[in-house]
Amino acid sequence: MKLRFQADADLNEHIVRGILRRYPSIDFKTANASALRGLSDLEVLALAAGENRVLVSHDRKSMPRAFATLTAKRSNPGLILISQRTDVLVAIEWLHLAWAATEAAEWEGRILTLPL
């Protein structure tokens, strides 16, 4: 099965819009579409996991801890952390590469931090 992404509330919306514009076949759900604003990291991760979506976030401080907590309790489809200093086009291309070159099962319980 192909990767499906979920943006969290702090992800730069230009990244999501850029992905959807350049690669419309990628399933990338916005934070607004999922009503994520105001939810805790654990709640956001659980919602993404419930829909079998890899969460994409800029939150490199608290999200890895929440991811580890959730992964200890249940399977988790993965987390991609993008530095806020990463150029939007670079982030778009990395996400496209992850989508094109991997399957969802390969992301189970994994965290990727961009840039590498």
PDB file of N, CA and C in Angstrom:
ATOM      1  N   MET A   1       0.840  -1.182   0.000  1.00  0.00           N
ATOM      2  CA  MET A   1       0.000   0.000   0.000  1.00  0.00           C
ATOM      3  C   MET A   1       0.889   1.251   0.000  1.00  0.00           C
ATOM      4  N   LYS A   2       0.485   2.264  -0.756  1.00  0.00           N
ATOM      5  CA  LYS A   2       1.241   3.508  -0.833  1.00  0.00           C
ATOM      6  C   LYS A   2       1.135   4.294   0.468  1.00  0.00           C
ATOM      7  N   LEU A   3       2.155   5.118   0.711  1.00  0.00           N
ATOM      8  CA  LEU A   3       2.134   6.007   1.866  1.00  0.00           C
ATOM      9  C   LEU A   3       0.980   6.997   1.749  1.00  0.00           C
ATOM     10  N   ARG A   4       0.407   7.288   2.892  1.00  0.00           N
ATOM     11  CA  ARG A   4      -0.579   8.355   3.009  1.00  0.00           C
ATOM     12  C   ARG A   4      -0.072   9.254   4.122  1.00  0.00           C
ATOM     13  N   PHE A   5      -0.121  10.547   3.905  1.00  0.00           N
ATOM     14  CA  PHE A   5       0.437  11.510   4.850  1.00  0.00           C
ATOM     15  C   PHE A   5      -0.654  12.278   5.582  1.00  0.00           C
ATOM     16  N   GLN A   6      -0.309  12.706   6.804  1.00  0.00           N
ATOM     17  CA  GLN A   6      -1.138  13.602   7.600  1.00  0.00           C
ATOM     18  C   GLN A   6      -0.254  14.748   8.072  1.00  0.00           C
ATOM     19  N   ALA A   7      -0.616  15.972   7.737  1.00  0.00           N
ATOM     20  CA  ALA A   7       0.108  17.144   8.238  1.00  0.00           C
ATOM     21  C   ALA A   7      -0.373  17.460   9.640  1.00  0.00           C
ATOM     22  N   ASP A   8       0.552  17.818  10.520  1.00  0.00           N
ATOM     23  CA  ASP A   8       0.078  18.283  11.819  1.00  0.00           C
ATOM     24  C   ASP A   8      -0.104  19.798  11.754  1.00  0.00           C
ATOM     25  N   ALA A   9      -0.617  20.383  12.818  1.00  0.00           N
ATOM     26  CA  ALA A   9      -1.033  21.783  12.804  1.00  0.00           C
ATOM     27  C   ALA A   9       0.128  22.756  12.635  1.00  0.00           C
ATOM     28  N   ASP A  10       1.350  22.361  12.966  1.00  0.00           N
ATOM     29  CA  ASP A  10       2.463  23.302  12.836  1.00  0.00           C
ATOM     30  C   ASP A  10       3.245  23.149  11.529  1.00  0.00           C
ATOM     31  N   LEU A  11       2.873  22.208  10.674  1.00  0.00           N
ATOM     32  CA  LEU A  11       3.587  22.024   9.414  1.00  0.00           C
ATOM     33  C   LEU A  11       3.281  23.184   8.466  1.00  0.00           C
ATOM     34  N   ASN A  12       4.314  23.700   7.842  1.00  0.00           N
ATOM     35  CA  ASN A  12       4.179  24.783   6.870  1.00  0.00           C
ATOM     36  C   ASN A  12       3.201  24.354   5.771  1.00  0.00           C
ATOM     37  N   GLU A  13       2.109  25.085   5.648  1.00  0.00           N
ATOM     38  CA  GLU A  13       1.072  24.717   4.685  1.00  0.00           C
ATOM     39  C   GLU A  13       1.553  24.802   3.236  1.00  0.00           C
ATOM     40  N   HIS A  14       2.619  25.550   2.986  1.00  0.00           N
ATOM     41  CA  HIS A  14       3.177  25.622   1.628  1.00  0.00           C
ATOM     42  C   HIS A  14       3.705  24.249   1.193  1.00  0.00           C
ATOM     43  N   ILE A  15       4.170  23.472   2.148  1.00  0.00           N
ATOM     44  CA  ILE A  15       4.653  22.124   1.830  1.00  0.00           C
ATOM     45  C   ILE A  15       3.485  21.259   1.350  1.00  0.00           C
ATOM     46  N   VAL A  16       2.401  21.266   2.094  1.00  0.00           N
ATOM     47  CA  VAL A  16       1.235  20.447   1.730  1.00  0.00           C
ATOM     48  C   VAL A  16       0.663  20.916   0.394  1.00  0.00           C
ATOM     49  N   ARG A  17       0.462  22.214   0.246  1.00  0.00           N
ATOM     50  CA  ARG A  17      -0.080  22.736  -1.021  1.00  0.00           C
ATOM     51  C   ARG A  17       0.841  22.418  -2.185  1.00  0.00           C
ATOM     52  N   GLY A  18       2.148  22.527  -1.967  1.00  0.00           N
ATOM     53  CA  GLY A  18       3.104  22.224  -3.028  1.00  0.00           C
ATOM     54  C   GLY A  18       3.057  20.766  -3.447  1.00  0.00           C
ATOM     55  N   ILE A  19       2.971  19.871  -2.474  1.00  0.00           N
ATOM     56  CA  ILE A  19       2.854  18.434  -2.779  1.00  0.00           C
ATOM     57  C   ILE A  19       1.594  18.183  -3.591  1.00  0.00           C
ATOM     58  N   LEU A  20       0.471  18.700  -3.121  1.00  0.00           N
ATOM     59  CA  LEU A  20      -0.804  18.434  -3.781  1.00  0.00           C
ATOM     60  C   LEU A  20      -0.863  19.047  -5.185  1.00  0.00           C
ATOM     61  N   ARG A  21      -0.181  20.165  -5.377  1.00  0.00           N
ATOM     62  CA  ARG A  21      -0.158  20.800  -6.695  1.00  0.00           C
ATOM     63  C   ARG A  21       0.739  20.034  -7.654  1.00  0.00           C
ATOM     64  N   ARG A  22       1.931  19.655  -7.192  1.00  0.00           N
ATOM     65  CA  ARG A  22       2.892  18.968  -8.064  1.00  0.00           C
ATOM     66  C   ARG A  22       2.574  17.495  -8.261  1.00  0.00           C
ATOM     67  N   TYR A  23       2.072  16.863  -7.211  1.00  0.00           N
ATOM     68  CA  TYR A  23       1.830  15.410  -7.228  1.00  0.00           C
ATOM     69  C   TYR A  23       0.426  15.119  -6.709  1.00  0.00           C
ATOM     70  N   PRO A  24      -0.586  15.392  -7.489  1.00  0.00           N
ATOM     71  CA  PRO A  24      -1.966  15.261  -7.001  1.00  0.00           C
ATOM     72  C   PRO A  24      -2.373  13.833  -6.632  1.00  0.00           C
ATOM     73  N   SER A  25      -1.604  12.840  -7.047  1.00  0.00           N
ATOM     74  CA  SER A  25      -1.958  11.466  -6.690  1.00  0.00           C
ATOM     75  C   SER A  25      -1.533  11.100  -5.263  1.00  0.00           C
ATOM     76  N   ILE A  26      -0.732  11.947  -4.624  1.00  0.00           N
ATOM     77  CA  ILE A  26      -0.322  11.689  -3.241  1.00  0.00           C
ATOM     78  C   ILE A  26      -1.469  12.056  -2.310  1.00  0.00           C
ATOM     79  N   ASP A  27      -1.791  11.150  -1.400  1.00  0.00           N
ATOM     80  CA  ASP A  27      -2.851  11.362  -0.419  1.00  0.00           C
ATOM     81  C   ASP A  27      -2.232  12.056   0.796  1.00  0.00           C
ATOM     82  N   PHE A  28      -2.442  13.366   0.900  1.00  0.00           N
ATOM     83  CA  PHE A  28      -1.846  14.181   1.964  1.00  0.00           C
ATOM     84  C   PHE A  28      -2.964  15.002   2.596  1.00  0.00           C
ATOM     85  N   LYS A  29      -3.364  14.628   3.792  1.00  0.00           N
ATOM     86  CA  LYS A  29      -4.466  15.280   4.487  1.00  0.00           C
ATOM     87  C   LYS A  29      -3.944  16.461   5.304  1.00  0.00           C
ATOM     88  N   THR A  30      -4.632  17.579   5.208  1.00  0.00           N
ATOM     89  CA  THR A  30      -4.218  18.768   5.945  1.00  0.00           C
ATOM     90  C   THR A  30      -4.651  18.685   7.406  1.00  0.00           C
ATOM     91  N   ALA A  31      -4.008  19.498   8.230  1.00  0.00           N
ATOM     92  CA  ALA A  31      -4.389  19.568   9.647  1.00  0.00           C
ATOM     93  C   ALA A  31      -5.812  20.102   9.791  1.00  0.00           C
ATOM     94  N   ASN A  32      -6.177  21.069   8.954  1.00  0.00           N
ATOM     95  CA  ASN A  32      -7.536  21.629   9.019  1.00  0.00           C
ATOM     96  C   ASN A  32      -8.575  20.575   8.672  1.00  0.00           C
ATOM     97  N   ALA A  33      -8.299  19.763   7.656  1.00  0.00           N
ATOM     98  CA  ALA A  33      -9.262  18.724   7.254  1.00  0.00           C
ATOM     99  C   ALA A  33      -9.471  17.697   8.360  1.00  0.00           C
ATOM    100  N   SER A  34      -8.477  17.531   9.211  1.00  0.00           N
ATOM    101  CA  SER A  34      -8.571  16.564  10.309  1.00  0.00           C
ATOM    102  C   SER A  34      -8.890  17.209  11.650  1.00  0.00           C
ATOM    103  N   ALA A  35      -9.071  18.525  11.656  1.00  0.00           N
ATOM    104  CA  ALA A  35      -9.392  19.275  12.887  1.00  0.00           C
ATOM    105  C   ALA A  35      -8.382  18.980  14.000  1.00  0.00           C
ATOM    106  N   LEU A  36      -7.095  19.180  13.693  1.00  0.00           N
ATOM    107  CA  LEU A  36      -6.041  18.841  14.650  1.00  0.00           C
ATOM    108  C   LEU A  36      -5.668  19.970  15.603  1.00  0.00           C
ATOM    109  N   ARG A  37      -6.039  21.204  15.271  1.00  0.00           N
ATOM    110  CA  ARG A  37      -5.628  22.327  16.099  1.00  0.00           C
ATOM    111  C   ARG A  37      -6.122  22.148  17.535  1.00  0.00           C
ATOM    112  N   GLY A  38      -5.202  22.341  18.482  1.00  0.00           N
ATOM    113  CA  GLY A  38      -5.551  22.239  19.891  1.00  0.00           C
ATOM    114  C   GLY A  38      -5.426  20.850  20.490  1.00  0.00           C
ATOM    115  N   LEU A  39      -5.150  19.846  19.661  1.00  0.00           N
ATOM    116  CA  LEU A  39      -4.990  18.487  20.181  1.00  0.00           C
ATOM    117  C   LEU A  39      -3.564  18.264  20.670  1.00  0.00           C
ATOM    118  N   SER A  40      -3.406  17.351  21.603  1.00  0.00           N
ATOM    119  CA  SER A  40      -2.065  17.007  22.090  1.00  0.00           C
ATOM    120  C   SER A  40      -1.327  16.201  21.025  1.00  0.00           C
ATOM    121  N   ASP A  41      -0.024  16.104  21.179  1.00  0.00           N
ATOM    122  CA  ASP A  41       0.779  15.309  20.243  1.00  0.00           C
ATOM    123  C   ASP A  41       0.285  13.863  20.186  1.00  0.00           C
ATOM    124  N   LEU A  42      -0.012  13.287  21.343  1.00  0.00           N
ATOM    125  CA  LEU A  42      -0.500  11.904  21.369  1.00  0.00           C
ATOM    126  C   LEU A  42      -1.825  11.755  20.628  1.00  0.00           C
ATOM    127  N   GLU A  43      -2.709  12.723  20.790  1.00  0.00           N
ATOM    128  CA  GLU A  43      -3.992  12.665  20.087  1.00  0.00           C
ATOM    129  C   GLU A  43      -3.803  12.780  18.576  1.00  0.00           C
ATOM    130  N   VAL A  44      -2.915  13.670  18.163  1.00  0.00           N
ATOM    131  CA  VAL A  44      -2.636  13.851  16.730  1.00  0.00           C
ATOM    132  C   VAL A  44      -2.055  12.570  16.145  1.00  0.00           C
ATOM    133  N   LEU A  45      -1.079  11.996  16.834  1.00  0.00           N
ATOM    134  CA  LEU A  45      -0.472  10.750  16.363  1.00  0.00           C
ATOM    135  C   LEU A  45      -1.487   9.608  16.316  1.00  0.00           C
ATOM    136  N   ALA A  46      -2.344   9.531  17.320  1.00  0.00           N
ATOM    137  CA  ALA A  46      -3.351   8.469  17.353  1.00  0.00           C
ATOM    138  C   ALA A  46      -4.346   8.616  16.205  1.00  0.00           C
ATOM    139  N   LEU A  47      -4.745   9.851  15.898  1.00  0.00           N
ATOM    140  CA  LEU A  47      -5.662  10.070  14.773  1.00  0.00           C
ATOM    141  C   LEU A  47      -4.996   9.672  13.453  1.00  0.00           C
ATOM    142  N   ALA A  48      -3.732  10.071  13.276  1.00  0.00           N
ATOM    143  CA  ALA A  48      -3.010   9.703  12.051  1.00  0.00           C
ATOM    144  C   ALA A  48      -2.873   8.183  11.963  1.00  0.00           C
ATOM    145  N   ALA A  49      -2.534   7.553  13.069  1.00  0.00           N
ATOM    146  CA  ALA A  49      -2.376   6.094  13.088  1.00  0.00           C
ATOM    147  C   ALA A  49      -3.704   5.396  12.785  1.00  0.00           C
ATOM    148  N   GLY A  50      -4.795   5.942  13.306  1.00  0.00           N
ATOM    149  CA  GLY A  50      -6.108   5.363  13.064  1.00  0.00           C
ATOM    150  C   GLY A  50      -6.494   5.358  11.594  1.00  0.00           C
ATOM    151  N   GLU A  51      -5.929   6.284  10.824  1.00  0.00           N
ATOM    152  CA  GLU A  51      -6.177   6.347   9.392  1.00  0.00           C
ATOM    153  C   GLU A  51      -5.003   5.790   8.585  1.00  0.00           C
ATOM    154  N   ASN A  52      -4.053   5.160   9.285  1.00  0.00           N
ATOM    155  CA  ASN A  52      -2.860   4.584   8.657  1.00  0.00           C
ATOM    156  C   ASN A  52      -2.104   5.623   7.827  1.00  0.00           C
ATOM    157  N   ARG A  53      -1.871   6.790   8.449  1.00  0.00           N
ATOM    158  CA  ARG A  53      -1.151   7.879   7.797  1.00  0.00           C
ATOM    159  C   ARG A  53       0.140   8.173   8.536  1.00  0.00           C
ATOM    160  N   VAL A  54       1.187   8.434   7.792  1.00  0.00           N
ATOM    161  CA  VAL A  54       2.455   8.887   8.355  1.00  0.00           C
ATOM    162  C   VAL A  54       2.276  10.362   8.693  1.00  0.00           C
ATOM    163  N   LEU A  55       2.565  10.732   9.937  1.00  0.00           N
ATOM    164  CA  LEU A  55       2.440  12.121  10.350  1.00  0.00           C
ATOM    165  C   LEU A  55       3.673  12.897   9.895  1.00  0.00           C
ATOM    166  N   VAL A  56       3.454  14.105   9.370  1.00  0.00           N
ATOM    167  CA  VAL A  56       4.538  14.985   8.937  1.00  0.00           C
ATOM    168  C   VAL A  56       4.466  16.236   9.800  1.00  0.00           C
ATOM    169  N   SER A  57       5.582  16.583  10.429  1.00  0.00           N
ATOM    170  CA  SER A  57       5.593  17.656  11.414  1.00  0.00           C
ATOM    171  C   SER A  57       6.921  18.401  11.399  1.00  0.00           C
ATOM    172  N   HIS A  58       6.899  19.616  11.952  1.00  0.00           N
ATOM    173  CA  HIS A  58       8.135  20.358  12.218  1.00  0.00           C
ATOM    174  C   HIS A  58       8.566  20.179  13.676  1.00  0.00           C
ATOM    175  N   ASP A  59       7.719  19.595  14.506  1.00  0.00           N
ATOM    176  CA  ASP A  59       7.927  19.527  15.960  1.00  0.00           C
ATOM    177  C   ASP A  59       8.964  18.475  16.323  1.00  0.00           C
ATOM    178  N   ARG A  60      10.220  18.881  16.306  1.00  0.00           N
ATOM    179  CA  ARG A  60      11.318  17.965  16.607  1.00  0.00           C
ATOM    180  C   ARG A  60      11.588  17.877  18.109  1.00  0.00           C
ATOM    181  N   LYS A  61      10.894  18.707  18.889  1.00  0.00           N
ATOM    182  CA  LYS A  61      11.136  18.727  20.332  1.00  0.00           C
ATOM    183  C   LYS A  61      10.291  17.697  21.075  1.00  0.00           C
ATOM    184  N   SER A  62       8.974  17.759  20.931  1.00  0.00           N
ATOM    185  CA  SER A  62       8.116  16.881  21.731  1.00  0.00           C
ATOM    186  C   SER A  62       7.522  15.711  20.948  1.00  0.00           C
ATOM    187  N   MET A  63       7.435  15.815  19.633  1.00  0.00           N
ATOM    188  CA  MET A  63       6.784  14.768  18.853  1.00  0.00           C
ATOM    189  C   MET A  63       7.503  13.410  18.934  1.00  0.00           C
ATOM    190  N   PRO A  64       8.844  13.357  18.909  1.00  0.00           N
ATOM    191  CA  PRO A  64       9.499  12.037  19.019  1.00  0.00           C
ATOM    192  C   PRO A  64       9.152  11.304  20.321  1.00  0.00           C
ATOM    193  N   ARG A  65       9.037  12.034  21.404  1.00  0.00           N
ATOM    194  CA  ARG A  65       8.680  11.435  22.695  1.00  0.00           C
ATOM    195  C   ARG A  65       7.259  10.884  22.650  1.00  0.00           C
ATOM    196  N   ALA A  66       6.338  11.674  22.105  1.00  0.00           N
ATOM    197  CA  ALA A  66       4.948  11.225  21.983  1.00  0.00           C
ATOM    198  C   ALA A  66       4.857  10.019  21.051  1.00  0.00           C
ATOM    199  N   PHE A  67       5.642  10.036  19.990  1.00  0.00           N
ATOM    200  CA  PHE A  67       5.671   8.918  19.043  1.00  0.00           C
ATOM    201  C   PHE A  67       6.123   7.639  19.744  1.00  0.00           C
ATOM    202  N   ALA A  68       7.170   7.738  20.559  1.00  0.00           N
ATOM    203  CA  ALA A  68       7.666   6.570  21.297  1.00  0.00           C
ATOM    204  C   ALA A  68       6.608   6.062  22.276  1.00  0.00           C
ATOM    205  N   THR A  69       5.918   6.965  22.937  1.00  0.00           N
ATOM    206  CA  THR A  69       4.866   6.578  23.881  1.00  0.00           C
ATOM    207  C   THR A  69       3.741   5.834  23.166  1.00  0.00           C
ATOM    208  N   LEU A  70       3.288   6.370  22.044  1.00  0.00           N
ATOM    209  CA  LEU A  70       2.200   5.733  21.299  1.00  0.00           C
ATOM    210  C   LEU A  70       2.646   4.404  20.698  1.00  0.00           C
ATOM    211  N   THR A  71       3.855   4.363  20.158  1.00  0.00           N
ATOM    212  CA  THR A  71       4.366   3.150  19.516  1.00  0.00           C
ATOM    213  C   THR A  71       4.521   2.012  20.523  1.00  0.00           C
ATOM    214  N   ALA A  72       4.770   2.341  21.790  1.00  0.00           N
ATOM    215  CA  ALA A  72       4.873   1.313  22.826  1.00  0.00           C
ATOM    216  C   ALA A  72       3.506   0.671  23.095  1.00  0.00           C
ATOM    217  N   LYS A  73       2.421   1.390  22.788  1.00  0.00           N
ATOM    218  CA  LYS A  73       1.068   0.907  23.069  1.00  0.00           C
ATOM    219  C   LYS A  73       0.390   0.260  21.867  1.00  0.00           C
ATOM    220  N   ARG A  74       0.741   0.708  20.664  1.00  0.00           N
ATOM    221  CA  ARG A  74       0.065   0.216  19.463  1.00  0.00           C
ATOM    222  C   ARG A  74       0.947   0.435  18.242  1.00  0.00           C
ATOM    223  N   SER A  75       0.607  -0.209  17.136  1.00  0.00           N
ATOM    224  CA  SER A  75       1.379   0.006  15.916  1.00  0.00           C
ATOM    225  C   SER A  75       1.168   1.446  15.452  1.00  0.00           C
ATOM    226  N   ASN A  76       2.184   1.971  14.815  1.00  0.00           N
ATOM    227  CA  ASN A  76       2.173   3.362  14.408  1.00  0.00           C
ATOM    228  C   ASN A  76       2.776   3.460  13.016  1.00  0.00           C
ATOM    229  N   PRO A  77       2.085   4.082  12.063  1.00  0.00           N
ATOM    230  CA  PRO A  77       2.552   4.076  10.678  1.00  0.00           C
ATOM    231  C   PRO A  77       3.760   4.949  10.377  1.00  0.00           C
ATOM    232  N   GLY A  78       4.273   5.701  11.319  1.00  0.00           N
ATOM    233  CA  GLY A  78       5.509   6.441  11.088  1.00  0.00           C
ATOM    234  C   GLY A  78       5.374   7.937  11.296  1.00  0.00           C
ATOM    235  N   LEU A  79       6.545   8.587  11.346  1.00  0.00           N
ATOM    236  CA  LEU A  79       6.639  10.016  11.601  1.00  0.00           C
ATOM    237  C   LEU A  79       7.775  10.583  10.761  1.00  0.00           C
ATOM    238  N   ILE A  80       7.504  11.676  10.064  1.00  0.00           N
ATOM    239  CA  ILE A  80       8.536  12.409   9.335  1.00  0.00           C
ATOM    240  C   ILE A  80       8.635  13.791   9.951  1.00  0.00           C
ATOM    241  N   LEU A  81       9.833  14.129  10.419  1.00  0.00           N
ATOM    242  CA  LEU A  81      10.099  15.427  11.022  1.00  0.00           C
ATOM    243  C   LEU A  81      10.939  16.244  10.054  1.00  0.00           C
ATOM    244  N   ILE A  82      10.447  17.416   9.705  1.00  0.00           N
ATOM    245  CA  ILE A  82      11.138  18.285   8.761  1.00  0.00           C
ATOM    246  C   ILE A  82      11.597  19.535   9.498  1.00  0.00           C
ATOM    247  N   SER A  83      12.888  19.829   9.415  1.00  0.00           N
ATOM    248  CA  SER A  83      13.411  21.041  10.028  1.00  0.00           C
ATOM    249  C   SER A  83      12.712  22.255   9.427  1.00  0.00           C
ATOM    250  N   GLN A  84      12.405  23.235  10.260  1.00  0.00           N
ATOM    251  CA  GLN A  84      11.764  24.452   9.762  1.00  0.00           C
ATOM    252  C   GLN A  84      12.687  25.237   8.845  1.00  0.00           C
ATOM    253  N   ARG A  85      13.973  24.949   8.920  1.00  0.00           N
ATOM    254  CA  ARG A  85      14.940  25.625   8.058  1.00  0.00           C
ATOM    255  C   ARG A  85      15.067  24.977   6.678  1.00  0.00           C
ATOM    256  N   THR A  86      14.412  23.838   6.495  1.00  0.00           N
ATOM    257  CA  THR A  86      14.461  23.147   5.208  1.00  0.00           C
ATOM    258  C   THR A  86      13.647  23.924   4.182  1.00  0.00           C
ATOM    259  N   ASP A  87      14.234  24.146   3.025  1.00  0.00           N
ATOM    260  CA  ASP A  87      13.551  24.829   1.940  1.00  0.00           C
ATOM    261  C   ASP A  87      12.277  24.063   1.578  1.00  0.00           C
ATOM    262  N   VAL A  88      11.200  24.769   1.293  1.00  0.00           N
ATOM    263  CA  VAL A  88       9.910  24.151   0.975  1.00  0.00           C
ATOM    264  C   VAL A  88      10.044  23.192  -0.204  1.00  0.00           C
ATOM    265  N   LEU A  89      10.733  23.603  -1.260  1.00  0.00           N
ATOM    266  CA  LEU A  89      10.890  22.725  -2.431  1.00  0.00           C
ATOM    267  C   LEU A  89      11.676  21.461  -2.101  1.00  0.00           C
ATOM    268  N   VAL A  90      12.669  21.584  -1.254  1.00  0.00           N
ATOM    269  CA  VAL A  90      13.439  20.412  -0.834  1.00  0.00           C
ATOM    270  C   VAL A  90      12.540  19.459  -0.045  1.00  0.00           C
ATOM    271  N   ALA A  91      11.736  20.007   0.862  1.00  0.00           N
ATOM    272  CA  ALA A  91      10.819  19.171   1.640  1.00  0.00           C
ATOM    273  C   ALA A  91       9.823  18.463   0.727  1.00  0.00           C
ATOM    274  N   ILE A  92       9.308  19.172  -0.257  1.00  0.00           N
ATOM    275  CA  ILE A  92       8.359  18.574  -1.206  1.00  0.00           C
ATOM    276  C   ILE A  92       9.008  17.418  -1.950  1.00  0.00           C
ATOM    277  N   GLU A  93      10.210  17.610  -2.432  1.00  0.00           N
ATOM    278  CA  GLU A  93      10.883  16.553  -3.191  1.00  0.00           C
ATOM    279  C   GLU A  93      11.227  15.347  -2.317  1.00  0.00           C
ATOM    280  N   TRP A  94      11.629  15.590  -1.057  1.00  0.00           N
ATOM    281  CA  TRP A  94      11.926  14.474  -0.149  1.00  0.00           C
ATOM    282  C   TRP A  94      10.660  13.665   0.131  1.00  0.00           C
ATOM    283  N   LEU A  95       9.554  14.348   0.367  1.00  0.00           N
ATOM    284  CA  LEU A  95       8.299  13.646   0.631  1.00  0.00           C
ATOM    285  C   LEU A  95       7.845  12.869  -0.601  1.00  0.00           C
ATOM    286  N   HIS A  96       8.007  13.461  -1.762  1.00  0.00           N
ATOM    287  CA  HIS A  96       7.660  12.743  -2.995  1.00  0.00           C
ATOM    288  C   HIS A  96       8.531  11.502  -3.154  1.00  0.00           C
ATOM    289  N   LEU A  97       9.816  11.633  -2.886  1.00  0.00           N
ATOM    290  CA  LEU A  97      10.725  10.488  -2.986  1.00  0.00           C
ATOM    291  C   LEU A  97      10.310   9.383  -2.019  1.00  0.00           C
ATOM    292  N   ALA A  98       9.985   9.745  -0.782  1.00  0.00           N
ATOM    293  CA  ALA A  98       9.541   8.749   0.202  1.00  0.00           C
ATOM    294  C   ALA A  98       8.286   8.045  -0.295  1.00  0.00           C
ATOM    295  N   TRP A  99       7.351   8.810  -0.854  1.00  0.00           N
ATOM    296  CA  TRP A  99       6.101   8.239  -1.360  1.00  0.00           C
ATOM    297  C   TRP A  99       6.361   7.323  -2.552  1.00  0.00           C
ATOM    298  N   ALA A 100       7.218   7.754  -3.458  1.00  0.00           N
ATOM    299  CA  ALA A 100       7.462   7.005  -4.693  1.00  0.00           C
ATOM    300  C   ALA A 100       8.305   5.751  -4.474  1.00  0.00           C
ATOM    301  N   ALA A 101       9.210   5.799  -3.515  1.00  0.00           N
ATOM    302  CA  ALA A 101      10.201   4.723  -3.383  1.00  0.00           C
ATOM    303  C   ALA A 101       9.905   3.710  -2.285  1.00  0.00           C
ATOM    304  N   THR A 102       8.896   3.969  -1.460  1.00  0.00           N
ATOM    305  CA  THR A 102       8.629   3.059  -0.344  1.00  0.00           C
ATOM    306  C   THR A 102       7.147   2.719  -0.266  1.00  0.00           C
ATOM    307  N   GLU A 103       6.872   1.708   0.512  1.00  0.00           N
ATOM    308  CA  GLU A 103       5.499   1.292   0.799  1.00  0.00           C
ATOM    309  C   GLU A 103       5.194   1.605   2.263  1.00  0.00           C
ATOM    310  N   ALA A 104       3.921   1.721   2.573  1.00  0.00           N
ATOM    311  CA  ALA A 104       3.503   2.091   3.923  1.00  0.00           C
ATOM    312  C   ALA A 104       4.061   1.151   4.990  1.00  0.00           C
ATOM    313  N   ALA A 105       4.115  -0.138   4.698  1.00  0.00           N
ATOM    314  CA  ALA A 105       4.590  -1.118   5.690  1.00  0.00           C
ATOM    315  C   ALA A 105       6.036  -0.860   6.111  1.00  0.00           C
ATOM    316  N   GLU A 106       6.824  -0.257   5.251  1.00  0.00           N
ATOM    317  CA  GLU A 106       8.231   0.028   5.570  1.00  0.00           C
ATOM    318  C   GLU A 106       8.385   1.126   6.614  1.00  0.00           C
ATOM    319  N   TRP A 107       7.342   1.900   6.857  1.00  0.00           N
ATOM    320  CA  TRP A 107       7.401   3.029   7.779  1.00  0.00           C
ATOM    321  C   TRP A 107       6.917   2.696   9.185  1.00  0.00           C
ATOM    322  N   GLU A 108       6.371   1.520   9.364  1.00  0.00           N
ATOM    323  CA  GLU A 108       5.803   1.133  10.656  1.00  0.00           C
ATOM    324  C   GLU A 108       6.818   1.373  11.786  1.00  0.00           C
ATOM    325  N   GLY A 109       6.446   2.227  12.724  1.00  0.00           N
ATOM    326  CA  GLY A 109       7.268   2.495  13.910  1.00  0.00           C
ATOM    327  C   GLY A 109       8.539   3.262  13.644  1.00  0.00           C
ATOM    328  N   ARG A 110       8.688   3.889  12.499  1.00  0.00           N
ATOM    329  CA  ARG A 110       9.942   4.590  12.138  1.00  0.00           C
ATOM    330  C   ARG A 110       9.775   6.111  12.145  1.00  0.00           C
ATOM    331  N   ILE A 111      10.883   6.778  12.457  1.00  0.00           N
ATOM    332  CA  ILE A 111      10.966   8.216  12.387  1.00  0.00           C
ATOM    333  C   ILE A 111      12.046   8.587  11.383  1.00  0.00           C
ATOM    334  N   LEU A 112      11.739   9.531  10.496  1.00  0.00           N
ATOM    335  CA  LEU A 112      12.718  10.081   9.570  1.00  0.00           C
ATOM    336  C   LEU A 112      12.809  11.563   9.844  1.00  0.00           C
ATOM    337  N   THR A 113      14.016  12.057   9.968  1.00  0.00           N
ATOM    338  CA  THR A 113      14.238  13.481  10.166  1.00  0.00           C
ATOM    339  C   THR A 113      14.889  14.044   8.915  1.00  0.00           C
ATOM    340  N   LEU A 114      14.292  15.118   8.371  1.00  0.00           N
ATOM    341  CA  LEU A 114      14.823  15.780   7.195  1.00  0.00           C
ATOM    342  C   LEU A 114      15.335  17.161   7.579  1.00  0.00           C
ATOM    343  N   PRO A 115      16.437  17.628   7.073  1.00  0.00           N
ATOM    344  CA  PRO A 115      17.276  16.903   6.121  1.00  0.00           C
ATOM    345  C   PRO A 115      18.036  15.788   6.821  1.00  0.00           C
ATOM    346  N   LEU A 116      18.443  14.824   6.010  1.00  0.00           N
ATOM    347  CA  LEU A 116      19.180  13.667   6.541  1.00  0.00           C
ATOM    348  C   LEU A 116      20.511  14.083   7.091  1.00  0.00           C
TER     349      LEU A 116
END
